[in-house]
Every structure is written in C-alpha cells, then in structure tokens.
N, C-alpha and C. Protein backbone atom coordinates (compact mmCIF):
# COMPACT_ATOMS: atom_id res chain seq x y z
N MET A 1 9.93 125.89 136.25
CA MET A 1 9.41 126.75 135.17
C MET A 1 8.21 127.52 135.70
N PRO A 2 8.15 128.84 135.47
CA PRO A 2 7.06 129.65 136.00
C PRO A 2 5.72 129.20 135.45
N THR A 3 4.71 129.35 136.35
CA THR A 3 3.37 128.92 135.98
C THR A 3 2.83 129.70 134.80
N ASN A 4 3.11 131.04 134.75
CA ASN A 4 2.57 131.84 133.65
C ASN A 4 3.16 131.43 132.30
N PHE A 5 4.42 130.93 132.29
CA PHE A 5 5.02 130.46 131.03
C PHE A 5 4.35 129.20 130.54
N LEU A 6 4.04 128.28 131.51
CA LEU A 6 3.32 127.05 131.13
C LEU A 6 1.96 127.37 130.56
N SER A 7 1.33 128.37 131.14
CA SER A 7 0.00 128.77 130.65
C SER A 7 0.08 129.27 129.21
N LEU A 8 1.16 129.98 128.91
CA LEU A 8 1.32 130.47 127.54
C LEU A 8 1.69 129.35 126.57
N LEU A 9 2.45 128.36 127.04
CA LEU A 9 2.93 127.29 126.17
C LEU A 9 1.86 126.26 125.86
N ARG A 10 0.89 126.09 126.79
CA ARG A 10 -0.12 125.02 126.64
C ARG A 10 -0.91 125.14 125.33
N PRO A 11 -1.40 126.31 124.91
CA PRO A 11 -2.15 126.38 123.63
C PRO A 11 -1.30 126.01 122.42
N VAL A 12 0.00 126.37 122.48
CA VAL A 12 0.88 126.04 121.36
C VAL A 12 1.04 124.54 121.23
N LEU A 13 1.26 123.84 122.36
CA LEU A 13 1.41 122.39 122.35
C LEU A 13 0.13 121.72 121.86
N THR A 14 -1.00 122.26 122.25
CA THR A 14 -2.28 121.69 121.83
C THR A 14 -2.43 121.73 120.32
N VAL A 15 -2.05 122.86 119.72
CA VAL A 15 -2.15 123.00 118.26
C VAL A 15 -1.20 122.04 117.56
N VAL A 16 0.03 121.93 118.06
CA VAL A 16 1.02 121.04 117.45
C VAL A 16 0.55 119.59 117.49
N LEU A 17 0.03 119.16 118.65
CA LEU A 17 -0.46 117.79 118.79
C LEU A 17 -1.65 117.54 117.88
N ALA A 18 -2.52 118.51 117.75
CA ALA A 18 -3.70 118.35 116.90
C ALA A 18 -3.30 118.19 115.44
N ILE A 19 -2.31 118.98 114.99
CA ILE A 19 -1.85 118.86 113.61
C ILE A 19 -1.23 117.50 113.36
N GLY A 20 -0.42 117.03 114.30
CA GLY A 20 0.20 115.71 114.16
C GLY A 20 -0.81 114.60 114.10
N LEU A 21 -1.84 114.69 114.94
CA LEU A 21 -2.87 113.66 114.97
C LEU A 21 -3.66 113.66 113.67
N PHE A 22 -3.97 114.84 113.15
CA PHE A 22 -4.73 114.94 111.90
C PHE A 22 -3.94 114.33 110.74
N THR A 23 -2.63 114.62 110.71
CA THR A 23 -1.80 114.09 109.64
C THR A 23 -1.72 112.57 109.70
N ALA A 24 -1.57 112.03 110.90
CA ALA A 24 -1.44 110.59 111.06
C ALA A 24 -2.72 109.86 110.71
N CYS A 25 -3.87 110.50 110.90
CA CYS A 25 -5.15 109.82 110.69
C CYS A 25 -5.77 110.12 109.34
N ASP A 26 -5.10 110.92 108.50
CA ASP A 26 -5.69 111.30 107.21
C ASP A 26 -5.71 110.10 106.29
N SER A 27 -6.92 109.56 106.00
CA SER A 27 -7.06 108.36 105.18
C SER A 27 -6.97 108.67 103.70
N ASN A 28 -6.86 109.94 103.31
CA ASN A 28 -6.80 110.29 101.90
C ASN A 28 -5.38 110.35 101.36
N GLU A 29 -4.40 110.06 102.19
CA GLU A 29 -3.03 110.04 101.71
C GLU A 29 -2.88 108.94 100.67
N PRO A 30 -2.22 109.22 99.53
CA PRO A 30 -2.09 108.19 98.50
C PRO A 30 -1.19 107.07 98.94
N SER A 31 -1.55 105.84 98.54
CA SER A 31 -0.74 104.67 98.84
C SER A 31 0.42 104.58 97.86
N ASP A 32 1.54 104.04 98.33
CA ASP A 32 2.68 103.84 97.44
C ASP A 32 2.35 102.87 96.33
N ASN A 33 1.34 101.99 96.54
CA ASN A 33 0.98 100.97 95.57
C ASN A 33 -0.16 101.40 94.67
N ALA A 34 -0.65 102.63 94.81
CA ALA A 34 -1.80 103.06 94.04
C ALA A 34 -1.47 103.05 92.55
N GLY A 35 -2.38 102.45 91.76
CA GLY A 35 -2.23 102.44 90.32
C GLY A 35 -1.11 101.54 89.82
N GLU A 36 -0.62 100.61 90.63
CA GLU A 36 0.48 99.76 90.25
C GLU A 36 0.03 98.72 89.23
N GLN A 37 0.77 98.58 88.12
CA GLN A 37 0.44 97.61 87.10
C GLN A 37 0.94 96.23 87.49
N GLU A 38 0.33 95.21 86.85
CA GLU A 38 0.84 93.87 87.01
C GLU A 38 2.27 93.80 86.46
N VAL A 39 3.09 92.95 87.08
CA VAL A 39 4.42 92.67 86.55
C VAL A 39 4.28 91.41 85.71
N ILE A 40 4.35 91.55 84.41
CA ILE A 40 4.19 90.40 83.51
C ILE A 40 5.57 90.08 82.96
N SER A 41 6.11 88.93 83.34
CA SER A 41 7.46 88.56 82.94
C SER A 41 7.49 87.47 81.88
N ASN A 42 6.46 86.65 81.81
CA ASN A 42 6.42 85.54 80.86
C ASN A 42 5.04 85.45 80.21
N VAL A 43 5.02 85.41 78.89
CA VAL A 43 3.78 85.26 78.13
C VAL A 43 3.94 84.06 77.21
N THR A 44 3.02 83.09 77.32
CA THR A 44 3.10 81.87 76.52
C THR A 44 1.83 81.67 75.73
N LEU A 45 1.97 81.53 74.42
CA LEU A 45 0.85 81.17 73.55
C LEU A 45 0.93 79.68 73.25
N SER A 46 -0.20 78.99 73.36
CA SER A 46 -0.27 77.56 73.08
C SER A 46 -1.29 77.32 71.97
N PHE A 47 -0.85 76.63 70.90
CA PHE A 47 -1.70 76.32 69.76
C PHE A 47 -1.97 74.82 69.74
N ASP A 48 -3.24 74.44 69.79
CA ASP A 48 -3.62 73.03 69.83
C ASP A 48 -4.44 72.70 68.60
N ASP A 49 -4.00 71.70 67.85
CA ASP A 49 -4.77 71.18 66.72
C ASP A 49 -5.72 70.11 67.26
N PRO A 50 -7.03 70.34 67.25
CA PRO A 50 -7.97 69.37 67.83
C PRO A 50 -7.92 68.00 67.15
N ALA A 51 -7.36 67.93 65.95
CA ALA A 51 -7.32 66.66 65.22
C ALA A 51 -6.17 65.77 65.66
N THR A 52 -5.27 66.28 66.49
CA THR A 52 -4.13 65.49 66.95
C THR A 52 -4.32 65.11 68.42
N THR A 53 -3.51 64.16 68.86
CA THR A 53 -3.61 63.70 70.25
C THR A 53 -2.62 64.42 71.16
N THR A 54 -1.68 65.15 70.57
CA THR A 54 -0.73 65.90 71.39
C THR A 54 -1.26 67.30 71.63
N ALA A 55 -1.16 67.75 72.86
CA ALA A 55 -1.65 69.09 73.19
C ALA A 55 -0.70 69.73 74.20
N PRO A 56 -0.28 70.94 73.93
CA PRO A 56 -0.49 71.69 72.69
C PRO A 56 0.50 71.25 71.61
N ASP A 57 0.19 71.56 70.36
CA ASP A 57 1.08 71.21 69.26
C ASP A 57 2.22 72.21 69.11
N VAL A 58 1.95 73.47 69.41
CA VAL A 58 2.95 74.53 69.29
C VAL A 58 2.84 75.45 70.50
N THR A 59 3.98 75.74 71.13
CA THR A 59 4.01 76.74 72.19
C THR A 59 5.11 77.75 71.88
N ALA A 60 4.87 78.98 72.26
CA ALA A 60 5.87 80.04 72.05
C ALA A 60 5.84 80.96 73.25
N GLU A 61 7.02 81.19 73.84
CA GLU A 61 7.11 82.01 75.05
C GLU A 61 7.89 83.29 74.79
N ALA A 62 7.40 84.36 75.37
CA ALA A 62 8.11 85.64 75.38
C ALA A 62 8.52 85.92 76.82
N VAL A 63 9.76 86.36 77.01
CA VAL A 63 10.30 86.59 78.35
C VAL A 63 10.68 88.07 78.48
N PHE A 64 10.21 88.68 79.57
CA PHE A 64 10.46 90.10 79.83
C PHE A 64 11.30 90.26 81.09
N GLY A 65 12.08 91.33 81.16
CA GLY A 65 12.83 91.66 82.35
C GLY A 65 11.97 92.37 83.36
N SER A 66 12.54 92.66 84.53
CA SER A 66 11.78 93.31 85.60
C SER A 66 11.32 94.71 85.22
N GLY A 67 11.99 95.33 84.26
CA GLY A 67 11.60 96.66 83.81
C GLY A 67 10.67 96.65 82.62
N GLY A 68 10.24 95.46 82.20
CA GLY A 68 9.31 95.34 81.09
C GLY A 68 9.96 95.21 79.73
N ASP A 69 11.30 95.14 79.67
CA ASP A 69 11.99 95.01 78.39
C ASP A 69 11.90 93.58 77.88
N LEU A 70 11.63 93.40 76.60
CA LEU A 70 11.52 92.08 75.99
C LEU A 70 12.92 91.50 75.84
N GLN A 71 13.18 90.37 76.53
CA GLN A 71 14.50 89.77 76.52
C GLN A 71 14.64 88.67 75.47
N SER A 72 13.58 87.90 75.26
CA SER A 72 13.61 86.84 74.25
C SER A 72 12.18 86.49 73.86
N VAL A 73 12.04 86.00 72.63
CA VAL A 73 10.72 85.58 72.16
C VAL A 73 10.90 84.42 71.19
N GLU A 74 10.13 83.37 71.39
CA GLU A 74 10.21 82.19 70.55
C GLU A 74 9.30 82.36 69.32
N PRO A 75 9.71 81.81 68.17
CA PRO A 75 8.87 81.90 66.98
C PRO A 75 7.68 80.95 67.05
N ILE A 76 6.67 81.25 66.23
CA ILE A 76 5.47 80.41 66.14
C ILE A 76 5.46 79.75 64.76
N PRO A 77 5.79 78.44 64.67
CA PRO A 77 5.72 77.73 63.38
C PRO A 77 4.39 76.97 63.26
N LEU A 78 3.53 77.39 62.35
CA LEU A 78 2.23 76.76 62.19
C LEU A 78 2.14 76.03 60.85
N THR A 79 1.15 75.16 60.75
CA THR A 79 0.91 74.38 59.53
C THR A 79 -0.30 74.94 58.80
N ASN A 80 -0.20 75.03 57.50
CA ASN A 80 -1.29 75.59 56.72
C ASN A 80 -2.51 74.67 56.73
N GLY A 81 -3.69 75.29 56.72
CA GLY A 81 -4.93 74.54 56.64
C GLY A 81 -5.41 73.95 57.96
N ILE A 82 -4.92 74.47 59.07
CA ILE A 82 -5.29 73.96 60.39
C ILE A 82 -6.06 75.04 61.15
N SER A 83 -7.09 74.63 61.86
CA SER A 83 -7.80 75.55 62.76
C SER A 83 -7.39 75.21 64.19
N TYR A 84 -6.59 76.07 64.78
CA TYR A 84 -6.02 75.83 66.10
C TYR A 84 -6.90 76.43 67.20
N ASP A 85 -6.94 75.73 68.34
CA ASP A 85 -7.47 76.31 69.57
C ASP A 85 -6.29 76.93 70.31
N VAL A 86 -6.39 78.20 70.62
CA VAL A 86 -5.25 78.94 71.17
C VAL A 86 -5.58 79.46 72.57
N SER A 87 -4.61 79.42 73.45
CA SER A 87 -4.75 80.01 74.78
C SER A 87 -3.48 80.78 75.11
N ILE A 88 -3.63 81.76 75.99
CA ILE A 88 -2.49 82.57 76.41
C ILE A 88 -2.36 82.49 77.92
N GLU A 89 -1.12 82.40 78.38
CA GLU A 89 -0.83 82.33 79.82
C GLU A 89 0.18 83.41 80.16
N LEU A 90 -0.07 84.11 81.26
CA LEU A 90 0.83 85.18 81.70
C LEU A 90 1.24 84.93 83.14
N ARG A 91 2.54 85.14 83.41
CA ARG A 91 3.04 84.92 84.76
C ARG A 91 3.98 86.05 85.18
N ASP A 92 4.12 86.18 86.49
CA ASP A 92 5.11 87.06 87.10
C ASP A 92 6.10 86.16 87.82
N ARG A 93 7.21 85.84 87.15
CA ARG A 93 8.16 84.89 87.74
C ARG A 93 8.91 85.50 88.91
N PHE A 94 8.96 86.82 89.00
CA PHE A 94 9.69 87.46 90.09
C PHE A 94 8.97 87.29 91.43
N ASN A 95 7.63 87.26 91.38
CA ASN A 95 6.84 87.11 92.60
C ASN A 95 6.02 85.83 92.61
N ASP A 96 6.28 84.94 91.63
CA ASP A 96 5.59 83.66 91.51
C ASP A 96 4.07 83.83 91.54
N GLU A 97 3.57 84.69 90.64
CA GLU A 97 2.14 84.96 90.58
C GLU A 97 1.58 84.56 89.22
N ASP A 98 0.36 84.04 89.25
CA ASP A 98 -0.36 83.67 88.04
C ASP A 98 -1.17 84.88 87.59
N ILE A 99 -0.67 85.61 86.60
CA ILE A 99 -1.36 86.81 86.13
C ILE A 99 -2.61 86.44 85.34
N THR A 100 -2.61 85.26 84.71
CA THR A 100 -3.80 84.81 83.98
C THR A 100 -5.00 84.76 84.91
N ALA A 101 -4.82 84.23 86.11
CA ALA A 101 -5.92 84.14 87.07
C ALA A 101 -6.41 85.52 87.48
N GLU A 102 -5.49 86.48 87.63
CA GLU A 102 -5.89 87.84 87.99
C GLU A 102 -6.72 88.47 86.88
N ILE A 103 -6.34 88.21 85.63
CA ILE A 103 -7.10 88.76 84.50
C ILE A 103 -8.49 88.13 84.45
N GLU A 104 -8.59 86.84 84.73
CA GLU A 104 -9.89 86.18 84.77
C GLU A 104 -10.79 86.80 85.83
N GLU A 105 -10.21 87.14 86.98
CA GLU A 105 -10.98 87.76 88.06
C GLU A 105 -11.40 89.19 87.72
N GLU A 106 -10.58 89.88 86.94
CA GLU A 106 -10.86 91.28 86.56
C GLU A 106 -11.10 91.35 85.05
N ASP A 107 -11.91 90.41 84.54
CA ASP A 107 -12.05 90.29 83.09
C ASP A 107 -12.67 91.52 82.43
N GLU A 108 -13.53 92.24 83.14
CA GLU A 108 -14.15 93.42 82.55
C GLU A 108 -13.16 94.57 82.38
N GLU A 109 -12.00 94.48 83.03
CA GLU A 109 -11.01 95.56 82.98
C GLU A 109 -9.85 95.25 82.03
N HIS A 110 -9.95 94.16 81.28
CA HIS A 110 -8.87 93.75 80.39
C HIS A 110 -9.41 93.36 79.02
N ARG A 111 -8.56 93.51 78.01
CA ARG A 111 -8.90 93.04 76.67
C ARG A 111 -7.63 92.79 75.87
N PHE A 112 -7.55 91.60 75.26
CA PHE A 112 -6.44 91.26 74.38
C PHE A 112 -6.79 91.59 72.93
N PHE A 113 -5.77 92.04 72.20
CA PHE A 113 -5.87 92.22 70.76
C PHE A 113 -4.78 91.38 70.09
N TYR A 114 -5.12 90.77 68.95
CA TYR A 114 -4.17 89.97 68.18
C TYR A 114 -4.27 90.38 66.72
N ARG A 115 -3.10 90.53 66.06
CA ARG A 115 -3.12 90.89 64.64
C ARG A 115 -1.81 90.47 63.98
N VAL A 116 -1.92 89.93 62.77
CA VAL A 116 -0.73 89.61 61.98
C VAL A 116 -0.25 90.88 61.30
N GLU A 117 1.06 91.16 61.41
CA GLU A 117 1.64 92.38 60.84
C GLU A 117 2.88 92.03 60.03
N ASP A 118 3.34 92.99 59.22
CA ASP A 118 4.46 92.72 58.32
C ASP A 118 5.82 93.12 58.88
N ALA A 119 5.87 93.63 60.08
CA ALA A 119 7.14 94.04 60.68
C ALA A 119 7.13 93.76 62.17
N GLU A 120 8.33 93.63 62.73
CA GLU A 120 8.46 93.31 64.15
C GLU A 120 7.93 94.43 65.03
N SER A 121 8.07 95.66 64.57
CA SER A 121 7.60 96.81 65.34
C SER A 121 7.00 97.83 64.38
N GLY A 122 5.80 98.31 64.71
CA GLY A 122 5.18 99.33 63.90
C GLY A 122 4.75 98.86 62.53
N GLY A 123 4.41 97.58 62.42
CA GLY A 123 4.04 97.02 61.13
C GLY A 123 2.60 97.30 60.73
N SER A 124 2.31 97.02 59.46
CA SER A 124 0.96 97.16 58.93
C SER A 124 0.27 95.80 58.96
N PRO A 125 -1.06 95.77 58.99
CA PRO A 125 -1.78 94.50 59.03
C PRO A 125 -1.51 93.66 57.77
N VAL A 126 -1.45 92.34 57.96
CA VAL A 126 -1.31 91.40 56.86
C VAL A 126 -2.53 90.50 56.86
N ASN A 127 -3.28 90.51 55.78
CA ASN A 127 -4.49 89.69 55.67
C ASN A 127 -4.20 88.41 54.90
N GLY A 128 -5.08 87.42 55.10
CA GLY A 128 -4.99 86.19 54.33
C GLY A 128 -4.02 85.17 54.85
N ILE A 129 -3.41 85.39 56.01
CA ILE A 129 -2.46 84.45 56.60
C ILE A 129 -3.10 83.68 57.75
N LEU A 130 -3.68 84.40 58.67
CA LEU A 130 -4.23 83.80 59.89
C LEU A 130 -5.55 84.48 60.22
N ASP A 131 -6.61 83.68 60.31
CA ASP A 131 -7.92 84.22 60.68
C ASP A 131 -8.15 83.99 62.17
N ILE A 132 -8.27 85.06 62.92
CA ILE A 132 -8.45 84.99 64.37
C ILE A 132 -9.90 85.29 64.69
N SER A 133 -10.55 84.41 65.45
CA SER A 133 -11.97 84.57 65.76
C SER A 133 -12.28 83.88 67.09
N GLY A 134 -13.52 84.01 67.52
CA GLY A 134 -14.00 83.28 68.68
C GLY A 134 -13.30 83.59 69.98
N LEU A 135 -12.94 84.87 70.20
CA LEU A 135 -12.32 85.22 71.48
C LEU A 135 -13.31 84.99 72.62
N ASP A 136 -12.82 84.45 73.73
CA ASP A 136 -13.70 84.27 74.88
C ASP A 136 -14.12 85.64 75.41
N ALA A 137 -15.20 85.65 76.19
CA ALA A 137 -15.83 86.91 76.60
C ALA A 137 -15.73 87.14 78.10
N ASP A 138 -15.88 88.42 78.48
CA ASP A 138 -15.93 88.78 79.90
C ASP A 138 -17.36 88.65 80.41
N ALA A 139 -17.59 89.10 81.63
CA ALA A 139 -18.91 88.95 82.25
C ALA A 139 -19.99 89.74 81.53
N ASN A 140 -19.59 90.75 80.75
CA ASN A 140 -20.55 91.55 79.99
C ASN A 140 -20.78 91.02 78.58
N GLY A 141 -20.08 89.96 78.23
CA GLY A 141 -20.19 89.42 76.88
C GLY A 141 -19.28 90.09 75.88
N ASP A 142 -18.34 90.91 76.34
CA ASP A 142 -17.40 91.60 75.45
C ASP A 142 -16.10 90.79 75.33
N ASP A 143 -15.37 91.02 74.25
CA ASP A 143 -14.14 90.27 73.99
C ASP A 143 -13.15 90.39 75.14
N LEU A 144 -12.59 89.23 75.54
CA LEU A 144 -11.51 89.19 76.52
C LEU A 144 -10.23 88.73 75.82
N GLY A 145 -10.21 87.47 75.34
CA GLY A 145 -9.09 87.02 74.52
C GLY A 145 -8.09 86.13 75.21
N LEU A 146 -8.45 85.52 76.33
CA LEU A 146 -7.56 84.52 76.94
C LEU A 146 -7.53 83.24 76.12
N THR A 147 -8.59 82.98 75.38
CA THR A 147 -8.64 81.88 74.42
C THR A 147 -9.26 82.39 73.13
N PHE A 148 -8.90 81.75 72.02
CA PHE A 148 -9.48 82.11 70.73
C PHE A 148 -9.16 81.02 69.71
N ALA A 149 -9.73 81.15 68.52
CA ALA A 149 -9.45 80.23 67.42
C ALA A 149 -8.58 80.93 66.40
N ALA A 150 -7.64 80.19 65.81
CA ALA A 150 -6.75 80.75 64.79
C ALA A 150 -6.64 79.74 63.65
N GLU A 151 -7.14 80.12 62.49
CA GLU A 151 -7.10 79.24 61.31
C GLU A 151 -6.07 79.76 60.32
N THR A 152 -5.14 78.87 59.94
CA THR A 152 -4.13 79.25 58.96
C THR A 152 -4.75 79.17 57.56
N LEU A 153 -4.61 80.25 56.79
CA LEU A 153 -5.27 80.35 55.49
C LEU A 153 -4.33 80.15 54.32
N SER A 154 -3.06 80.50 54.49
CA SER A 154 -2.09 80.32 53.40
C SER A 154 -0.69 80.31 53.98
N ALA A 155 0.23 79.72 53.22
CA ALA A 155 1.61 79.68 53.66
C ALA A 155 2.26 81.06 53.52
N THR A 156 3.26 81.30 54.34
CA THR A 156 3.99 82.57 54.27
C THR A 156 5.24 82.39 53.43
N SER A 157 5.60 83.41 52.68
CA SER A 157 6.83 83.36 51.88
C SER A 157 8.05 83.66 52.74
N GLY A 158 7.82 84.24 53.89
CA GLY A 158 8.89 84.55 54.83
C GLY A 158 8.29 84.65 56.22
N THR A 159 8.88 85.47 57.06
CA THR A 159 8.39 85.64 58.42
C THR A 159 7.46 86.84 58.50
N VAL A 160 6.30 86.62 59.12
CA VAL A 160 5.43 87.73 59.50
C VAL A 160 5.40 87.76 61.03
N TYR A 161 4.59 88.63 61.60
CA TYR A 161 4.63 88.81 63.05
C TYR A 161 3.21 88.86 63.62
N LEU A 162 3.02 88.12 64.71
CA LEU A 162 1.74 88.14 65.41
C LEU A 162 1.85 89.12 66.57
N ARG A 163 1.13 90.20 66.48
CA ARG A 163 1.15 91.21 67.54
C ARG A 163 0.18 90.81 68.65
N VAL A 164 0.64 90.92 69.88
CA VAL A 164 -0.17 90.63 71.06
C VAL A 164 -0.20 91.89 71.92
N LYS A 165 -1.39 92.37 72.18
CA LYS A 165 -1.54 93.60 72.97
C LYS A 165 -2.60 93.38 74.04
N LEU A 166 -2.24 93.63 75.29
CA LEU A 166 -3.17 93.52 76.41
C LEU A 166 -3.45 94.92 76.95
N ARG A 167 -4.71 95.32 76.89
CA ARG A 167 -5.14 96.63 77.38
C ARG A 167 -5.76 96.47 78.76
N HIS A 168 -5.40 97.38 79.66
CA HIS A 168 -5.90 97.37 81.04
C HIS A 168 -6.62 98.68 81.29
N TYR A 169 -7.91 98.58 81.58
CA TYR A 169 -8.75 99.77 81.75
C TYR A 169 -8.73 100.20 83.21
N GLU A 170 -8.33 101.45 83.43
CA GLU A 170 -8.04 101.95 84.76
C GLU A 170 -9.27 102.57 85.43
N GLU A 171 -9.06 103.18 86.59
CA GLU A 171 -10.15 103.66 87.45
C GLU A 171 -11.01 104.73 86.79
N ASN A 172 -10.45 105.53 85.89
CA ASN A 172 -11.24 106.59 85.25
C ASN A 172 -11.83 106.18 83.91
N ALA A 173 -11.71 104.91 83.55
CA ALA A 173 -12.30 104.44 82.31
C ALA A 173 -13.82 104.35 82.45
N THR A 174 -14.52 104.59 81.36
CA THR A 174 -15.97 104.42 81.32
C THR A 174 -16.25 103.04 80.76
N LEU A 175 -16.61 102.11 81.64
CA LEU A 175 -16.83 100.73 81.22
C LEU A 175 -18.32 100.41 81.21
N PRO A 176 -18.76 99.58 80.28
CA PRO A 176 -17.95 98.85 79.31
C PRO A 176 -17.68 99.59 78.00
N GLU A 177 -18.14 100.83 77.87
CA GLU A 177 -18.06 101.54 76.58
C GLU A 177 -16.62 101.69 76.08
N ASP A 178 -15.69 102.12 76.95
CA ASP A 178 -14.32 102.32 76.51
C ASP A 178 -13.70 101.02 76.00
N LYS A 179 -14.03 99.93 76.64
CA LYS A 179 -13.50 98.64 76.21
C LYS A 179 -14.11 98.21 74.88
N ARG A 180 -15.40 98.37 74.75
CA ARG A 180 -16.09 97.95 73.51
C ARG A 180 -15.61 98.75 72.31
N ASN A 181 -15.30 100.01 72.50
CA ASN A 181 -14.92 100.89 71.38
C ASN A 181 -13.42 100.95 71.15
N ASP A 182 -12.65 100.20 71.90
CA ASP A 182 -11.20 100.26 71.81
C ASP A 182 -10.70 99.55 70.55
N THR A 183 -9.49 99.90 70.11
CA THR A 183 -8.86 99.27 68.95
C THR A 183 -7.40 98.98 69.26
N ILE A 184 -6.80 98.14 68.44
CA ILE A 184 -5.40 97.78 68.66
C ILE A 184 -4.46 98.96 68.43
N GLU A 185 -4.89 99.92 67.60
CA GLU A 185 -4.04 101.08 67.31
C GLU A 185 -4.15 102.19 68.35
N ALA A 186 -5.15 102.13 69.21
CA ALA A 186 -5.41 103.23 70.14
C ALA A 186 -4.24 103.42 71.11
N PRO A 187 -3.89 104.66 71.44
CA PRO A 187 -2.79 104.93 72.36
C PRO A 187 -3.21 104.73 73.82
N GLU A 188 -2.23 104.73 74.69
CA GLU A 188 -2.50 104.72 76.12
C GLU A 188 -3.03 106.08 76.55
N GLU A 189 -3.87 106.07 77.59
CA GLU A 189 -4.38 107.30 78.18
C GLU A 189 -4.24 107.19 79.69
N PRO A 190 -3.44 108.05 80.31
CA PRO A 190 -3.20 107.95 81.76
C PRO A 190 -4.50 107.89 82.56
N GLU A 191 -4.55 106.93 83.48
CA GLU A 191 -5.67 106.71 84.40
C GLU A 191 -6.94 106.24 83.68
N ILE A 192 -6.84 105.97 82.38
CA ILE A 192 -7.99 105.44 81.65
C ILE A 192 -7.67 104.06 81.07
N VAL A 193 -6.63 103.97 80.26
CA VAL A 193 -6.25 102.67 79.69
C VAL A 193 -4.74 102.64 79.47
N GLU A 194 -4.13 101.52 79.82
CA GLU A 194 -2.70 101.32 79.65
C GLU A 194 -2.45 99.98 78.98
N ASN A 195 -1.29 99.86 78.34
CA ASN A 195 -0.88 98.59 77.73
C ASN A 195 -0.08 97.79 78.75
N ASP A 196 -0.61 96.65 79.15
CA ASP A 196 0.17 95.78 80.04
C ASP A 196 1.25 95.04 79.26
N VAL A 197 0.94 94.62 78.04
CA VAL A 197 1.94 94.08 77.12
C VAL A 197 1.61 94.55 75.71
N ASP A 198 2.64 94.70 74.89
CA ASP A 198 2.47 95.05 73.48
C ASP A 198 3.75 94.65 72.77
N PHE A 199 3.74 93.51 72.09
CA PHE A 199 4.94 92.99 71.44
C PHE A 199 4.52 92.06 70.31
N THR A 200 5.49 91.50 69.58
CA THR A 200 5.18 90.60 68.47
C THR A 200 5.96 89.29 68.57
N TYR A 201 5.32 88.22 68.11
CA TYR A 201 5.97 86.92 67.91
C TYR A 201 6.31 86.76 66.43
N PRO A 202 7.51 86.27 66.08
CA PRO A 202 7.74 85.87 64.69
C PRO A 202 6.84 84.69 64.34
N LEU A 203 6.23 84.72 63.16
CA LEU A 203 5.24 83.71 62.77
C LEU A 203 5.52 83.22 61.36
N THR A 204 5.53 81.90 61.17
CA THR A 204 5.62 81.31 59.84
C THR A 204 4.51 80.27 59.69
N VAL A 205 4.02 80.12 58.47
CA VAL A 205 3.02 79.11 58.13
C VAL A 205 3.55 78.32 56.95
N ASN A 206 3.67 76.99 57.11
CA ASN A 206 4.23 76.13 56.07
C ASN A 206 3.20 75.09 55.61
C-alpha cells in the first residue's frame, strides 16, 4: 500500500478509534436495571390477639404472578371486640428474596396505607368496623406500616374489604415531605411515587 495513502488514512482511523473509546467509557449510559421495582409475589398479613397463647391467630396471604396480577387472596376472619397486633410480610418467591427486609432498610422511601372499603375494587371507606392505629415509623418518625394495631369495633353484616397499598417514593421525590403529605387515594407519579402493591383482602368480623 502506498505511503501517501496510509498518511491519508491515519487521521480517519484515529477519529474512529476515539469515538469507539468514548462510547465504551461513557459512564452516563442508562443501566438496564435503572428504576426497577421490587418483584412482590406474596403478601401475608398476620393478626395476633395478645390475650391468646397462639400466634398468630389469623393469617391471610395474597399471591401475585410474575407480571403483578393477583392470582389468589385469602379472606381475613376476625372476632369482634379484639385489639390485634398486626404485621405484614412481603416476599419475592421467584428470586427467593425477603422484600420485608428491603423495605426495613429503605424505610424512608416506603409507606403502607390500610383502609376498610365497601367493594373489592374502587370502594368507598367504611367506618366503625376496624380501627387501625399505631403504625410503626421510619427513621424520620413518619408512618411506615410494617406493623400496626387493628381493633374490631363491630360485626359485619357481610363481607367488606381491607385495602393494602404500598407506596414507593422514587429518585425525584421530595422526602420526607412527599411521604408525609401522601394519601391512599393519591395517584402514581412517574419517577416520584409508584404503587408497589394495591389490592384488597375480603374481611369479616363476627
């Protein structure tokens, strides 16, 4: 190959190599895992009556598919006039991960909401059935909700529904303000807050 041709080709090769090196070393390329939500496949509520020796007295599990679809949910049968100690456990059975532990580690970025409603989906609040109080707190002293107290106030004439909603505050959230001012009715906002779970358990009080 003639020397003058190599001389002309050398600058072109230099530019091509420089572009390739820059692309390979660019640390701002987004990761495939960026913004990935937890995979929550199993949610279990446990109700313990402190006056009894068996613990827990009532457990109810909800099972989700890999795409987040609710596959099955167990009912919650409670007894009237009891103040239960309640805890919630979340797992990812597909990857054998304890999601409860992850929420404990990132407690300032999560918040549970619980409410009795009159319908399985899109229901209105029902008062006078179950009083929910004493939610455990995150590092800032704000509601977390991995544990709480639930006192049954009156028997139900039929089935009502306990709504469980877990909010996850994302990278663009203003914390702790967004968490403190949040409500169970609030919608999701991309890159600010998302619902990790939002479903209902059938609930009866006898």
